[in-house]
Amino acid sequence: MRLVMKFGGTSVGDGSRMKHVAELAKQYRDNGNEVVLVTSALSGVTDALLENARKASETGKTSSIKEFIADLTKQHHQAAHDAIGENSIVEKVTKELDSRIEELEKALIGICYLGELTVRSIDYISSYGERLAAPILCGSLNSLGVKSRSFTGGEAGIITTDEYCNAKPLERTYSLIKERIGPFLKNGIPVITGFIGENEAGVITTLGRGGSDFSASIIGAALSADEIWLWKEVHGILTTDPKIVPEARTIPVISYIEAMELSYFGAKVLHPKAIEPAIKHGIPVRVKNTFHPDFPGTIVVKDLNQSKDIVKAVTVIKNVALINISGAGMVGTIGVAARVFTTLANSGVNIIMISQGSSEANISIVVDANHLDNAVKAIKSEFRNGTIKEVTPDRNVCVVAVVGAGMANTPGVAGRVFGALGKAGVNVIMISQGSSQHNISFAVSEGTAKKAVQVLHKEFCLEREKP
């Protein structure tokens, strides 16, 4: 099999974990598989890079930068010594690390003097987490007798748009990766930085949220991989958050559409954008636990036959807010909804959920809690003519989503959902369901969200299978 394996920050958190990853990759290669590794940064490094870049632009203190660089160097040198068992290889890797850290220090000091932090600079600085991790993982493989070479995303062929912090791959990325990485697979294991690419001018870009998973998906699609494995610290995609329902179990098989619905509605294991290239090319994506590699995890496939599991999972989004827009002047007035959505889009507000009554006198929307004040202000400013009478915000809400491809064309699912909630005394504030029928989502008060999830998890028998 040809496998593209991405390891997240927890999996490569330090040198000992990197050594474990290298041993795991070698094991799969020794069993006759072709393996490509995509690595994240060491634990906490990307956040520290961004925090120090921000401080540099605000305070201009070069002394703070020098302290940070000393700590970063110590952290990565230690990781190299722990991950690599051969001194000559350690020496070679630390030399490469020192060179890159020196570049980083110059960039941060430049930000101190300029007193500003642009999106282009943010991408450049944040890329160093992965760019420092990849040589260590590569060195660890070399010390195990495996031929390996590290590549940045750009070197591997990920060429992107100029949208810094949220770049998208250009179509020629796929042929470039095949050309640059493909020949290496027979003789060794390439290690590629996740999260980053470069634009056509050769300037570093990053792929945004879920970027390392996205990198793996792009690379897997380009190389026609048999499967893409996303190694994390969990057993796969679960039926719900185990902190809410301890009996939550791993879902063995899930469809792309179900995984995307779950990702959008609060499940953090996958980001929808991250698996788009895999969807397009029909490549299964498997989520596995780095620390329990024998556990099969969850496999995400393109299409799934109707199964007995009507509902696959129940998930919850916190830190959201509800805005209720009402007024008799809305009835029969063409374009009110369009104006609302355009106004919010222009204000940088992302809408999570929408519901409108057939009377047209009311539109309810759910937005990120951090965007609430901006959203309310924008709507009131747009409708000063009186078409809308009231704009009522509510921060005390959560969104609960019930997801499952088996819900489509199955009568009575909504009845079971809201019947169970009614019996449990959970009041539903707002409801939304798309015509795909793969998802029923609704807003409840923050205080009843946990209960709602527990009730529905039990109603659809999603608890851990009994031995």
Protein backbone atom coordinates (compact mmCIF):
# COMPACT_ATOMS: atom_id res chain seq x y z
CA MET A 1 0.00 0.00 0.00
CA ARG A 2 1.00 3.61 -0.53
CA LEU A 3 0.32 5.49 2.70
CA VAL A 4 0.55 9.19 3.47
CA MET A 5 0.82 9.56 7.25
CA LYS A 6 0.36 12.88 9.00
CA PHE A 7 1.42 13.24 12.64
CA GLY A 8 -0.06 16.04 14.74
CA GLY A 9 1.63 18.21 17.35
CA THR A 10 0.95 15.83 20.23
CA SER A 11 2.34 12.89 18.24
CA VAL A 12 5.61 14.75 17.56
CA GLY A 13 5.52 16.78 20.76
CA ASP A 14 9.14 16.12 21.72
CA GLY A 15 12.16 14.03 20.76
CA SER A 16 11.03 10.78 22.36
CA ARG A 17 7.71 10.95 20.56
CA MET A 18 9.45 11.72 17.29
CA LYS A 19 11.56 8.61 17.78
CA HIS A 20 8.34 6.62 18.32
CA VAL A 21 6.92 8.06 15.07
CA ALA A 22 10.09 7.16 13.16
CA GLU A 23 9.98 3.59 14.49
CA LEU A 24 6.31 3.33 13.57
CA ALA A 25 6.97 4.57 10.02
CA LYS A 26 9.90 2.15 9.63
CA GLN A 27 7.69 -0.73 10.77
CA TYR A 28 5.10 0.02 8.10
CA ARG A 29 7.76 0.40 5.44
CA ASP A 30 9.43 -2.88 6.47
CA ASN A 31 6.05 -4.55 5.98
CA GLY A 32 6.13 -3.61 2.30
CA ASN A 33 4.31 -0.27 2.31
CA GLU A 34 5.43 2.95 0.64
CA VAL A 35 5.28 5.69 3.29
CA VAL A 36 5.25 9.49 3.19
CA LEU A 37 5.36 11.43 6.48
CA VAL A 38 3.78 14.85 7.00
CA THR A 39 4.78 16.46 10.27
CA SER A 40 3.41 19.19 12.48
CA ALA A 41 5.52 21.37 14.78
CA LEU A 42 6.65 20.29 18.25
CA SER A 43 4.08 20.90 20.99
CA GLY A 44 3.42 24.57 21.68
CA VAL A 45 5.96 25.88 19.17
CA THR A 46 3.58 27.49 16.65
CA ASP A 47 1.66 29.31 19.40
CA ALA A 48 4.94 30.52 20.90
CA LEU A 49 6.17 31.76 17.51
CA LEU A 50 3.01 33.77 16.92
CA GLU A 51 2.94 35.15 20.47
CA ASN A 52 6.55 36.35 20.26
CA ALA A 53 5.96 37.85 16.81
CA ARG A 54 3.02 39.79 18.22
CA LYS A 55 5.08 40.98 21.21
CA ALA A 56 7.92 42.00 18.89
CA SER A 57 5.60 44.23 16.87
CA GLU A 58 4.05 45.79 19.99
CA THR A 59 7.02 46.23 22.34
CA GLY A 60 10.05 46.28 20.04
CA LYS A 61 12.15 44.54 22.72
CA THR A 62 14.98 42.64 21.02
CA SER A 63 16.09 41.27 24.41
CA SER A 64 12.83 39.28 24.66
CA ILE A 65 13.44 37.85 21.21
CA LYS A 66 16.93 36.68 22.17
CA GLU A 67 15.51 34.92 25.25
CA PHE A 68 12.86 33.22 23.13
CA ILE A 69 15.41 32.12 20.53
CA ALA A 70 17.62 30.63 23.25
CA ASP A 71 14.68 28.63 24.63
CA LEU A 72 13.61 27.52 21.14
CA THR A 73 17.13 26.37 20.31
CA LYS A 74 17.39 24.42 23.56
CA GLN A 75 14.00 22.75 22.94
CA HIS A 76 14.88 21.60 19.43
CA HIS A 77 18.45 20.56 20.26
CA GLN A 78 17.07 18.41 23.08
CA ALA A 79 14.47 16.93 20.74
CA ALA A 80 17.20 16.08 18.21
CA HIS A 81 19.32 14.33 20.85
CA ASP A 82 16.30 12.36 22.14
CA ALA A 83 15.04 11.39 18.67
CA ILE A 84 18.32 10.49 17.00
CA GLY A 85 20.56 7.71 18.19
CA GLU A 86 23.72 8.53 16.22
CA ASN A 87 25.98 11.48 17.12
CA SER A 88 27.09 12.25 13.57
CA ILE A 89 23.47 12.60 12.47
CA VAL A 90 22.63 14.70 15.55
CA GLU A 91 25.48 17.05 14.65
CA LYS A 92 24.26 17.40 11.06
CA VAL A 93 20.65 18.05 12.14
CA THR A 94 21.51 20.58 14.85
CA LYS A 95 23.61 22.49 12.33
CA GLU A 96 20.59 22.72 10.03
CA LEU A 97 18.37 23.75 12.96
CA ASP A 98 20.80 26.50 13.99
CA SER A 99 20.80 27.89 10.46
CA ARG A 100 17.01 28.09 10.35
CA ILE A 101 16.76 29.51 13.86
CA GLU A 102 19.24 32.23 12.89
CA GLU A 103 16.95 33.17 9.97
CA LEU A 104 13.99 33.26 12.33
CA GLU A 105 15.82 35.49 14.81
CA LYS A 106 16.63 38.01 12.07
CA ALA A 107 12.98 38.07 11.00
CA LEU A 108 11.71 38.65 14.55
CA ILE A 109 14.23 41.42 15.19
CA GLY A 110 13.14 43.00 11.91
CA ILE A 111 9.56 43.00 13.21
CA CYS A 112 10.79 44.69 16.40
CA TYR A 113 12.31 47.53 14.40
CA LEU A 114 9.38 47.88 11.99
CA GLY A 115 6.76 47.73 14.72
CA GLU A 116 4.25 45.94 12.52
CA LEU A 117 3.20 42.38 11.82
CA THR A 118 1.71 41.71 8.39
CA VAL A 119 -0.15 38.55 7.32
CA ARG A 120 2.80 37.71 5.09
CA SER A 121 5.13 37.97 8.11
CA ILE A 122 2.75 35.84 10.21
CA ASP A 123 2.96 33.06 7.61
CA TYR A 124 6.73 33.30 7.44
CA ILE A 125 7.19 33.19 11.23
CA SER A 126 4.62 30.47 11.91
CA SER A 127 6.14 28.21 9.23
CA TYR A 128 9.25 27.69 11.36
CA GLY A 129 7.50 25.22 13.69
CA GLU A 130 7.22 22.63 10.94
CA ARG A 131 10.48 23.66 9.28
CA LEU A 132 12.35 22.89 12.50
CA ALA A 133 10.48 19.64 13.19
CA ALA A 134 10.98 18.00 9.78
CA PRO A 135 14.83 17.72 9.91
CA ILE A 136 14.63 16.09 13.36
CA LEU A 137 12.13 13.45 12.21
CA CYS A 138 14.21 12.89 9.08
CA GLY A 139 17.35 12.44 11.21
CA SER A 140 15.54 9.98 13.45
CA LEU A 141 14.65 7.84 10.43
CA ASN A 142 18.25 8.04 9.18
CA SER A 143 19.51 6.80 12.55
CA LEU A 144 17.23 3.76 12.17
CA GLY A 145 18.86 2.96 8.84
CA VAL A 146 16.02 4.37 6.72
CA LYS A 147 16.88 6.66 3.84
CA SER A 148 15.01 9.91 4.34
CA ARG A 149 14.95 13.50 3.18
CA SER A 150 12.99 16.46 4.52
CA PHE A 151 11.05 18.84 2.29
CA THR A 152 9.22 22.06 3.02
CA GLY A 153 5.73 22.19 1.55
CA GLY A 154 6.98 24.42 -1.24
CA GLU A 155 9.92 22.15 -2.01
CA ALA A 156 7.51 19.22 -2.20
CA GLY A 157 5.44 21.11 -4.78
CA ILE A 158 2.60 22.74 -2.82
CA ILE A 159 2.14 25.97 -4.80
CA THR A 160 -0.66 28.19 -3.53
CA THR A 161 -2.64 31.37 -3.98
CA ASP A 162 -1.45 34.58 -2.32
CA GLU A 163 -4.08 34.38 0.47
CA TYR A 164 -1.71 34.52 3.43
CA CYS A 165 -2.88 32.55 6.50
CA ASN A 166 -5.49 30.72 4.39
CA ALA A 167 -3.81 29.83 1.09
CA LYS A 168 -5.29 27.33 -1.36
CA PRO A 169 -3.32 24.95 -3.58
CA LEU A 170 -3.13 25.68 -7.30
CA GLU A 171 -4.00 22.84 -9.66
CA ARG A 172 -0.40 22.31 -10.79
CA THR A 173 0.49 21.40 -7.20
CA TYR A 174 -0.67 17.84 -7.85
CA SER A 175 1.62 17.22 -10.83
CA LEU A 176 4.57 18.88 -9.05
CA ILE A 177 4.24 16.68 -5.96
CA LYS A 178 4.02 13.57 -8.11
CA GLU A 179 7.14 14.67 -9.99
CA ARG A 180 9.20 15.65 -6.92
CA ILE A 181 8.13 13.12 -4.27
CA GLY A 182 6.98 10.11 -6.29
CA PRO A 183 10.47 8.89 -7.34
CA PHE A 184 11.68 8.96 -3.72
CA LEU A 185 9.09 6.48 -2.42
CA LYS A 186 10.73 3.26 -3.59
CA ASN A 187 13.97 3.87 -1.73
CA GLY A 188 13.06 5.90 1.33
CA ILE A 189 10.58 7.88 3.42
CA PRO A 190 10.19 11.57 2.56
CA VAL A 191 9.31 13.88 5.47
CA ILE A 192 7.24 16.91 4.42
CA THR A 193 6.28 19.91 6.52
CA GLY A 194 2.56 20.18 7.07
CA PHE A 195 0.64 23.46 7.07
CA ILE A 196 2.90 25.38 4.68
CA GLY A 197 3.41 25.92 0.96
CA GLU A 198 4.63 28.80 -1.18
CA ASN A 199 3.10 31.07 -3.79
CA GLU A 200 4.26 31.33 -7.39
CA ALA A 201 6.85 33.93 -6.38
CA GLY A 202 8.39 31.50 -3.89
CA VAL A 203 7.06 33.33 -0.82
CA ILE A 204 6.00 31.09 2.10
CA THR A 205 2.26 30.74 2.69
CA THR A 206 0.23 28.71 5.18
CA LEU A 207 -2.92 26.70 4.62
CA GLY A 208 -4.88 27.91 7.64
CA ARG A 209 -6.88 25.90 10.16
CA GLY A 210 -6.41 22.15 9.77
CA GLY A 211 -3.40 22.96 7.58
CA SER A 212 -1.28 19.88 8.30
CA ASP A 213 -4.22 17.55 7.62
CA PHE A 214 -4.86 19.56 4.46
CA SER A 215 -1.23 19.09 3.40
CA ALA A 216 -1.53 15.33 3.88
CA SER A 217 -4.75 15.26 1.87
CA ILE A 218 -3.18 17.23 -0.99
CA ILE A 219 -0.08 15.00 -1.01
CA GLY A 220 -2.15 11.83 -0.81
CA ALA A 221 -4.28 12.93 -3.75
CA ALA A 222 -1.22 13.90 -5.79
CA LEU A 223 0.49 10.55 -5.19
CA SER A 224 -2.68 8.46 -5.66
CA ALA A 225 -2.24 7.05 -2.17
CA ASP A 226 -4.24 4.00 -1.14
CA GLU A 227 -5.08 5.67 2.17
CA ILE A 228 -4.28 8.87 4.05
CA TRP A 229 -3.68 8.29 7.76
CA LEU A 230 -4.10 11.15 10.21
CA TRP A 231 -2.36 10.15 13.44
CA LYS A 232 -3.69 11.93 16.50
CA GLU A 233 -3.98 11.35 20.24
CA VAL A 234 -7.53 9.95 20.00
CA HIS A 235 -8.90 6.58 18.88
CA GLY A 236 -10.66 8.10 15.87
CA ILE A 237 -13.91 10.00 15.40
CA LEU A 238 -16.18 9.44 18.39
CA THR A 239 -19.96 9.38 18.72
CA THR A 240 -19.72 12.47 20.92
CA ASP A 241 -17.36 14.30 23.26
CA PRO A 242 -16.29 11.76 25.93
CA LYS A 243 -16.11 14.61 28.46
CA ILE A 244 -19.89 14.92 28.08
CA VAL A 245 -20.68 11.20 27.65
CA PRO A 246 -17.94 8.90 29.01
CA GLU A 247 -19.55 5.97 27.13
CA ALA A 248 -18.84 7.58 23.74
CA ARG A 249 -17.32 5.08 21.30
CA THR A 250 -15.23 5.18 18.17
CA ILE A 251 -17.15 5.17 14.87
CA PRO A 252 -15.50 2.45 12.72
CA VAL A 253 -16.64 3.77 9.31
CA ILE A 254 -18.07 7.15 8.38
CA SER A 255 -18.82 8.87 5.08
CA TYR A 256 -17.14 12.07 3.90
CA ILE A 257 -20.39 14.00 4.19
CA GLU A 258 -20.92 12.82 7.78
CA ALA A 259 -17.33 13.65 8.72
CA MET A 260 -17.67 17.12 7.23
CA GLU A 261 -20.94 17.75 9.06
CA LEU A 262 -19.36 16.66 12.33
CA SER A 263 -16.28 18.80 11.74
CA TYR A 264 -18.38 21.85 11.00
CA PHE A 265 -20.49 21.31 14.09
CA GLY A 266 -17.78 21.22 16.70
CA ALA A 267 -15.88 17.92 16.29
CA LYS A 268 -12.19 18.89 16.29
CA VAL A 269 -10.72 15.68 14.93
CA LEU A 270 -11.08 16.78 11.28
CA HIS A 271 -11.55 20.10 9.54
CA PRO A 272 -13.84 20.01 6.47
CA LYS A 273 -11.33 21.74 4.19
CA ALA A 274 -8.65 19.25 5.16
CA ILE A 275 -10.26 16.29 3.42
CA GLU A 276 -11.51 18.02 0.25
CA PRO A 277 -8.68 16.75 -1.99
CA ALA A 278 -9.23 13.23 -0.68
CA ILE A 279 -12.97 13.51 -1.43
CA LYS A 280 -12.25 14.68 -4.96
CA HIS A 281 -9.90 11.76 -5.66
CA GLY A 282 -11.85 9.10 -3.73
CA ILE A 283 -9.05 8.29 -1.27
CA PRO A 284 -10.06 6.90 2.15
CA VAL A 285 -8.88 8.90 5.17
CA ARG A 286 -8.16 6.98 8.37
CA VAL A 287 -7.90 8.60 11.81
CA LYS A 288 -5.62 6.62 14.13
CA ASN A 289 -4.11 6.95 17.60
CA THR A 290 -0.32 7.37 17.60
CA PHE A 291 -0.07 5.85 21.07
CA HIS A 292 -2.29 2.85 20.28
CA PRO A 293 -1.26 2.06 16.69
CA ASP A 294 -2.92 -1.37 16.61
CA PHE A 295 -6.37 0.14 17.14
CA PRO A 296 -8.06 0.44 13.71
CA GLY A 297 -9.49 3.92 14.35
CA THR A 298 -12.06 5.48 12.03
CA ILE A 299 -11.98 5.24 8.26
CA VAL A 300 -13.64 8.02 6.27
CA VAL A 301 -14.90 6.86 2.87
CA LYS A 302 -16.50 8.66 -0.05
CA ASP A 303 -19.83 6.84 -0.09
CA LEU A 304 -21.49 4.72 2.53
CA ASN A 305 -24.40 2.38 2.03
CA GLN A 306 -27.45 3.02 4.20
CA SER A 307 -26.73 1.38 7.54
CA LYS A 308 -28.72 0.45 10.61
CA ASP A 309 -27.07 3.40 12.38
CA ILE A 310 -29.59 6.13 11.59
CA VAL A 311 -27.59 8.61 13.64
CA LYS A 312 -23.77 8.38 13.76
CA ALA A 313 -22.96 11.09 16.28
CA VAL A 314 -24.17 14.00 18.38
CA THR A 315 -21.97 17.05 18.70
CA VAL A 316 -22.13 20.50 20.24
CA ILE A 317 -20.76 23.95 19.37
CA LYS A 318 -20.05 26.25 22.28
CA ASN A 319 -19.03 29.92 22.26
CA VAL A 320 -21.79 30.91 19.86
CA ALA A 321 -24.56 33.52 20.04
CA LEU A 322 -28.07 33.83 18.64
CA ILE A 323 -29.41 36.92 16.87
CA ASN A 324 -33.16 37.18 16.34
CA ILE A 325 -34.20 39.70 13.67
CA SER A 326 -37.90 40.60 13.53
CA GLY A 327 -40.35 43.19 12.28
CA ALA A 328 -43.67 43.40 10.43
CA GLY A 329 -41.93 45.47 7.75
CA MET A 330 -40.00 42.37 6.70
CA VAL A 331 -43.13 40.61 5.44
CA GLY A 332 -43.27 40.72 1.64
CA THR A 333 -40.21 42.96 1.41
CA ILE A 334 -37.91 41.55 -1.22
CA GLY A 335 -34.21 41.15 -0.41
CA VAL A 336 -34.25 41.45 3.39
CA ALA A 337 -32.40 38.15 3.92
CA ALA A 338 -29.92 39.00 1.16
CA ARG A 339 -29.17 42.35 2.80
CA VAL A 340 -28.68 40.70 6.20
CA PHE A 341 -26.26 38.11 4.87
CA THR A 342 -24.37 40.57 2.66
CA THR A 343 -24.01 43.01 5.56
CA LEU A 344 -22.64 40.31 7.83
CA ALA A 345 -20.27 39.01 5.15
CA ASN A 346 -18.92 42.52 4.56
CA SER A 347 -18.36 42.82 8.32
CA GLY A 348 -16.38 39.57 8.46
CA VAL A 349 -19.06 37.69 10.40
CA ASN A 350 -19.42 33.96 9.71
CA ILE A 351 -22.96 32.59 10.00
CA ILE A 352 -23.09 29.14 11.59
CA MET A 353 -26.83 28.43 11.35
CA ILE A 354 -29.94 30.04 9.82
CA SER A 355 -33.68 29.66 10.39
CA GLN A 356 -36.59 31.66 8.95
CA GLY A 357 -40.32 31.27 9.52
CA SER A 358 -42.68 31.14 6.55
CA SER A 359 -44.35 34.33 7.82
CA GLU A 360 -41.12 36.17 6.81
CA ALA A 361 -41.46 38.28 9.97
CA ASN A 362 -38.49 36.65 11.69
CA ILE A 363 -34.94 35.52 10.80
CA SER A 364 -32.79 33.79 13.40
CA ILE A 365 -29.07 33.30 12.92
CA VAL A 366 -26.26 31.84 15.00
CA VAL A 367 -22.80 33.42 14.85
CA ASP A 368 -19.49 33.02 16.64
CA ALA A 369 -19.79 34.68 20.07
CA ASN A 370 -16.75 36.87 19.32
CA HIS A 371 -18.57 38.33 16.31
CA LEU A 372 -21.85 39.11 18.09
CA ASP A 373 -21.36 42.82 18.87
CA ASN A 374 -20.03 43.52 15.39
CA ALA A 375 -22.94 41.61 13.81
CA VAL A 376 -25.64 43.42 15.79
CA LYS A 377 -24.08 46.82 15.06
CA ALA A 378 -23.84 46.06 11.33
CA ILE A 379 -27.46 44.89 11.03
CA LYS A 380 -28.84 47.89 12.93
CA SER A 381 -26.81 50.24 10.74
CA GLU A 382 -28.04 48.57 7.52
CA PHE A 383 -31.74 48.70 8.49
CA ARG A 384 -32.09 52.18 9.92
CA ASN A 385 -35.20 52.73 7.76
CA GLY A 386 -37.41 50.65 10.07
CA THR A 387 -37.85 47.51 7.95
CA ILE A 388 -36.50 45.58 10.93
CA LYS A 389 -38.03 46.49 14.27
CA GLU A 390 -35.93 44.46 16.68
CA VAL A 391 -32.46 42.89 16.70
CA THR A 392 -32.24 40.74 19.82
CA PRO A 393 -28.96 39.02 20.78
CA ASP A 394 -28.57 36.03 23.12
CA ARG A 395 -25.15 34.85 24.25
CA ASN A 396 -26.52 32.09 26.47
CA VAL A 397 -26.85 29.41 23.75
CA CYS A 398 -25.12 26.36 22.30
CA VAL A 399 -25.79 24.53 19.04
CA VAL A 400 -26.36 20.78 19.13
CA ALA A 401 -26.19 18.76 15.91
CA VAL A 402 -27.41 15.22 15.23
CA VAL A 403 -25.53 13.75 12.26
CA GLY A 404 -25.99 10.62 10.17
CA ALA A 405 -26.40 9.65 6.54
CA GLY A 406 -28.96 7.06 7.68
CA MET A 407 -31.32 9.91 8.58
CA ALA A 408 -32.03 10.58 4.90
CA ASN A 409 -35.47 9.25 3.90
CA THR A 410 -35.97 7.69 7.34
CA PRO A 411 -39.33 8.84 8.73
CA GLY A 412 -39.60 9.98 12.32
CA VAL A 413 -36.02 10.96 13.10
CA ALA A 414 -36.90 14.57 13.92
CA GLY A 415 -39.81 13.30 16.02
CA ARG A 416 -37.48 11.10 18.05
CA VAL A 417 -34.98 13.93 18.49
CA PHE A 418 -37.42 16.51 19.75
CA GLY A 419 -39.60 14.00 21.57
CA ALA A 420 -36.63 12.82 23.62
CA LEU A 421 -35.61 16.40 24.37
CA GLY A 422 -39.17 17.29 25.39
CA LYS A 423 -39.38 14.37 27.81
CA ALA A 424 -36.07 15.46 29.32
CA GLY A 425 -37.29 19.04 29.76
CA VAL A 426 -34.85 20.55 27.27
CA ASN A 427 -36.31 23.57 25.49
CA VAL A 428 -35.31 24.07 21.84
CA ILE A 429 -34.87 27.73 20.86
CA MET A 430 -34.17 27.41 17.13
CA ILE A 431 -34.13 24.57 14.59
CA SER A 432 -32.36 24.13 11.23
CA GLN A 433 -32.31 21.17 8.83
CA GLY A 434 -30.96 21.05 5.28
CA SER A 435 -32.65 19.16 2.47
CA SER A 436 -29.79 16.60 2.47
CA GLN A 437 -31.31 15.30 5.75
CA HIS A 438 -27.85 14.35 7.02
CA ASN A 439 -28.02 16.82 9.89
CA ILE A 440 -30.58 18.23 12.31
CA SER A 441 -29.15 21.13 14.26
CA PHE A 442 -30.79 23.27 16.90
CA ALA A 443 -30.00 25.89 19.52
CA VAL A 444 -30.60 25.35 23.24
CA SER A 445 -29.68 27.36 26.30
CA GLU A 446 -26.09 26.89 27.39
CA GLY A 447 -27.18 25.29 30.67
CA THR A 448 -29.09 22.48 28.95
CA ALA A 449 -26.64 21.65 26.12
CA LYS A 450 -24.84 18.88 28.04
CA LYS A 451 -28.13 17.26 28.97
CA ALA A 452 -29.35 17.47 25.36
CA VAL A 453 -26.26 15.64 24.10
CA GLN A 454 -26.53 12.95 26.78
CA VAL A 455 -30.25 12.38 26.09
CA LEU A 456 -29.80 12.06 22.32
CA HIS A 457 -26.71 9.87 22.62
CA LYS A 458 -28.82 7.46 24.67
CA GLU A 459 -31.93 7.79 22.46
CA PHE A 460 -30.04 6.60 19.38
CA CYS A 461 -28.07 3.90 21.27
CA LEU A 462 -24.67 5.41 20.51
CA GLU A 463 -23.12 4.30 23.82
CA ARG A 464 -20.07 2.06 23.88
CA GLU A 465 -20.76 -1.44 22.66
CA LYS A 466 -21.02 -3.99 25.45
CA PRO A 467 -18.38 -6.78 25.51
